Amino acid sequence: MDPYAIIVKPHVTEKTMNLIDQNNELTFVVNRESNKNSIKRAIEQLYDVKVEKVNTHISSKGIKLAYIKLTEEEDAEDIAVKMGVF
């Protein structure tokens, strides 16, 4: 599947901004049919980073969120700046 079809957009809230700073995690709205492996491959292809783990959550509004924890070598804040979150 195309990485652009899997990753819909970054999810930016006060909580996700804290996750970037404290846990080296990024949060994205993803396609509802995507699984953790496809999300991991899409993030690694699009942003050229190494992903440690992926957690997913379907919100009460029916939106699937993916919490992407990056490896220690990667910096989530740098990726967020490149995406225009800051």
C-alpha atoms as a PDB file:
ATOM      1  CA  MET A   1       0.000   0.000   0.000  1.00  0.00           C
ATOM      2  CA  ASP A   2       1.163   3.531  -0.739  1.00  0.00           C
ATOM      3  CA  PRO A   3       2.639   5.283   2.343  1.00  0.00           C
ATOM      4  CA  TYR A   4       0.627   8.398   1.517  1.00  0.00           C
ATOM      5  CA  ALA A   5      -2.576   6.326   1.637  1.00  0.00           C
ATOM      6  CA  ILE A   6      -1.679   4.985   5.100  1.00  0.00           C
ATOM      7  CA  ILE A   7      -0.600   8.215   6.818  1.00  0.00           C
ATOM      8  CA  VAL A   8      -3.409  10.780   6.635  1.00  0.00           C
ATOM      9  CA  LYS A   9      -1.983  13.693   8.676  1.00  0.00           C
ATOM     10  CA  PRO A  10      -0.116  14.540  11.878  1.00  0.00           C
ATOM     11  CA  HIS A  11      -2.294  14.715  14.978  1.00  0.00           C
ATOM     12  CA  VAL A  12      -1.370  17.810  16.999  1.00  0.00           C
ATOM     13  CA  THR A  13      -2.750  18.431  20.476  1.00  0.00           C
ATOM     14  CA  GLU A  14      -1.233  19.562  23.743  1.00  0.00           C
ATOM     15  CA  LYS A  15      -0.843  15.918  24.773  1.00  0.00           C
ATOM     16  CA  THR A  16       0.933  14.936  21.554  1.00  0.00           C
ATOM     17  CA  MET A  17       3.271  17.919  21.837  1.00  0.00           C
ATOM     18  CA  ASN A  18       4.278  16.666  25.292  1.00  0.00           C
ATOM     19  CA  LEU A  19       4.840  13.174  23.858  1.00  0.00           C
ATOM     20  CA  ILE A  20       7.260  14.621  21.301  1.00  0.00           C
ATOM     21  CA  ASP A  21       9.359  16.226  24.037  1.00  0.00           C
ATOM     22  CA  GLN A  22       9.134  13.588  26.764  1.00  0.00           C
ATOM     23  CA  ASN A  23       8.802  10.204  25.002  1.00  0.00           C
ATOM     24  CA  ASN A  24      10.283  10.829  21.536  1.00  0.00           C
ATOM     25  CA  GLU A  25       6.884   9.924  20.005  1.00  0.00           C
ATOM     26  CA  LEU A  26       4.964  11.274  17.042  1.00  0.00           C
ATOM     27  CA  THR A  27       1.214  10.909  16.588  1.00  0.00           C
ATOM     28  CA  PHE A  28      -0.568  10.541  13.245  1.00  0.00           C
ATOM     29  CA  VAL A  29      -4.093  10.036  11.992  1.00  0.00           C
ATOM     30  CA  VAL A  30      -3.900   6.898   9.864  1.00  0.00           C
ATOM     31  CA  ASN A  31      -6.100   4.906   7.512  1.00  0.00           C
ATOM     32  CA  ARG A  32      -8.562   2.805   9.526  1.00  0.00           C
ATOM     33  CA  GLU A  33      -7.678  -0.398   7.618  1.00  0.00           C
ATOM     34  CA  SER A  34      -3.905  -0.098   8.139  1.00  0.00           C
ATOM     35  CA  ASN A  35      -2.068  -2.331  10.607  1.00  0.00           C
ATOM     36  CA  LYS A  36       0.971  -1.657  12.807  1.00  0.00           C
ATOM     37  CA  ASN A  37       3.480  -3.180  10.372  1.00  0.00           C
ATOM     38  CA  SER A  38       2.243  -1.137   7.414  1.00  0.00           C
ATOM     39  CA  ILE A  39       2.231   2.043   9.538  1.00  0.00           C
ATOM     40  CA  LYS A  40       5.819   1.361  10.637  1.00  0.00           C
ATOM     41  CA  ARG A  41       6.984   0.820   7.038  1.00  0.00           C
ATOM     42  CA  ALA A  42       5.179   3.964   5.842  1.00  0.00           C
ATOM     43  CA  ILE A  43       6.745   6.187   8.538  1.00  0.00           C
ATOM     44  CA  GLU A  44      10.213   4.753   7.875  1.00  0.00           C
ATOM     45  CA  GLN A  45       9.832   5.391   4.123  1.00  0.00           C
ATOM     46  CA  LEU A  46       8.324   8.876   4.361  1.00  0.00           C
ATOM     47  CA  TYR A  47      10.538  10.358   7.067  1.00  0.00           C
ATOM     48  CA  ASP A  48      13.686   8.193   6.778  1.00  0.00           C
ATOM     49  CA  VAL A  49      13.721   7.278  10.483  1.00  0.00           C
ATOM     50  CA  LYS A  50      13.885   4.071  12.520  1.00  0.00           C
ATOM     51  CA  VAL A  51      10.703   3.203  14.414  1.00  0.00           C
ATOM     52  CA  GLU A  52      10.958   1.362  17.718  1.00  0.00           C
ATOM     53  CA  LYS A  53       7.261   0.566  18.174  1.00  0.00           C
ATOM     54  CA  VAL A  54       3.781   1.528  17.041  1.00  0.00           C
ATOM     55  CA  ASN A  55       0.665   1.728  19.199  1.00  0.00           C
ATOM     56  CA  THR A  56      -2.749   2.351  17.663  1.00  0.00           C
ATOM     57  CA  HIS A  57      -5.961   3.669  19.134  1.00  0.00           C
ATOM     58  CA  ILE A  58      -9.396   4.253  17.650  1.00  0.00           C
ATOM     59  CA  SER A  59     -10.933   7.367  19.162  1.00  0.00           C
ATOM     60  CA  SER A  60     -14.573   7.794  20.132  1.00  0.00           C
ATOM     61  CA  LYS A  61     -15.016   9.755  16.883  1.00  0.00           C
ATOM     62  CA  GLY A  62     -13.896   6.709  14.861  1.00  0.00           C
ATOM     63  CA  ILE A  63     -10.483   8.131  13.948  1.00  0.00           C
ATOM     64  CA  LYS A  64      -7.533   5.746  14.097  1.00  0.00           C
ATOM     65  CA  LEU A  65      -4.467   7.276  15.752  1.00  0.00           C
ATOM     66  CA  ALA A  66      -0.958   5.838  15.622  1.00  0.00           C
ATOM     67  CA  TYR A  67       1.587   6.647  18.319  1.00  0.00           C
ATOM     68  CA  ILE A  68       5.043   6.201  16.754  1.00  0.00           C
ATOM     69  CA  LYS A  69       7.953   5.740  19.185  1.00  0.00           C
ATOM     70  CA  LEU A  70      11.259   6.477  17.499  1.00  0.00           C
ATOM     71  CA  THR A  71      14.582   4.856  18.398  1.00  0.00           C
ATOM     72  CA  GLU A  72      17.067   6.679  20.619  1.00  0.00           C
ATOM     73  CA  GLU A  73      19.164   7.738  17.594  1.00  0.00           C
ATOM     74  CA  GLU A  74      16.226   9.606  16.055  1.00  0.00           C
ATOM     75  CA  ASP A  75      14.778  12.896  17.306  1.00  0.00           C
ATOM     76  CA  ALA A  76      11.004  13.336  17.115  1.00  0.00           C
ATOM     77  CA  GLU A  77      11.350  17.089  17.512  1.00  0.00           C
ATOM     78  CA  ASP A  78      13.439  17.345  14.317  1.00  0.00           C
ATOM     79  CA  ILE A  79      10.819  15.385  12.375  1.00  0.00           C
ATOM     80  CA  ALA A  80       8.037  17.566  13.813  1.00  0.00           C
ATOM     81  CA  VAL A  81       9.890  20.721  12.706  1.00  0.00           C
ATOM     82  CA  LYS A  82      10.287  19.304   9.177  1.00  0.00           C
ATOM     83  CA  MET A  83       6.534  18.553   9.081  1.00  0.00           C
ATOM     84  CA  GLY A  84       5.728  22.106  10.194  1.00  0.00           C
ATOM     85  CA  VAL A  85       4.177  21.180  13.536  1.00  0.00           C
ATOM     86  CA  PHE A  86       6.233  23.785  15.437  1.00  0.00           C
END
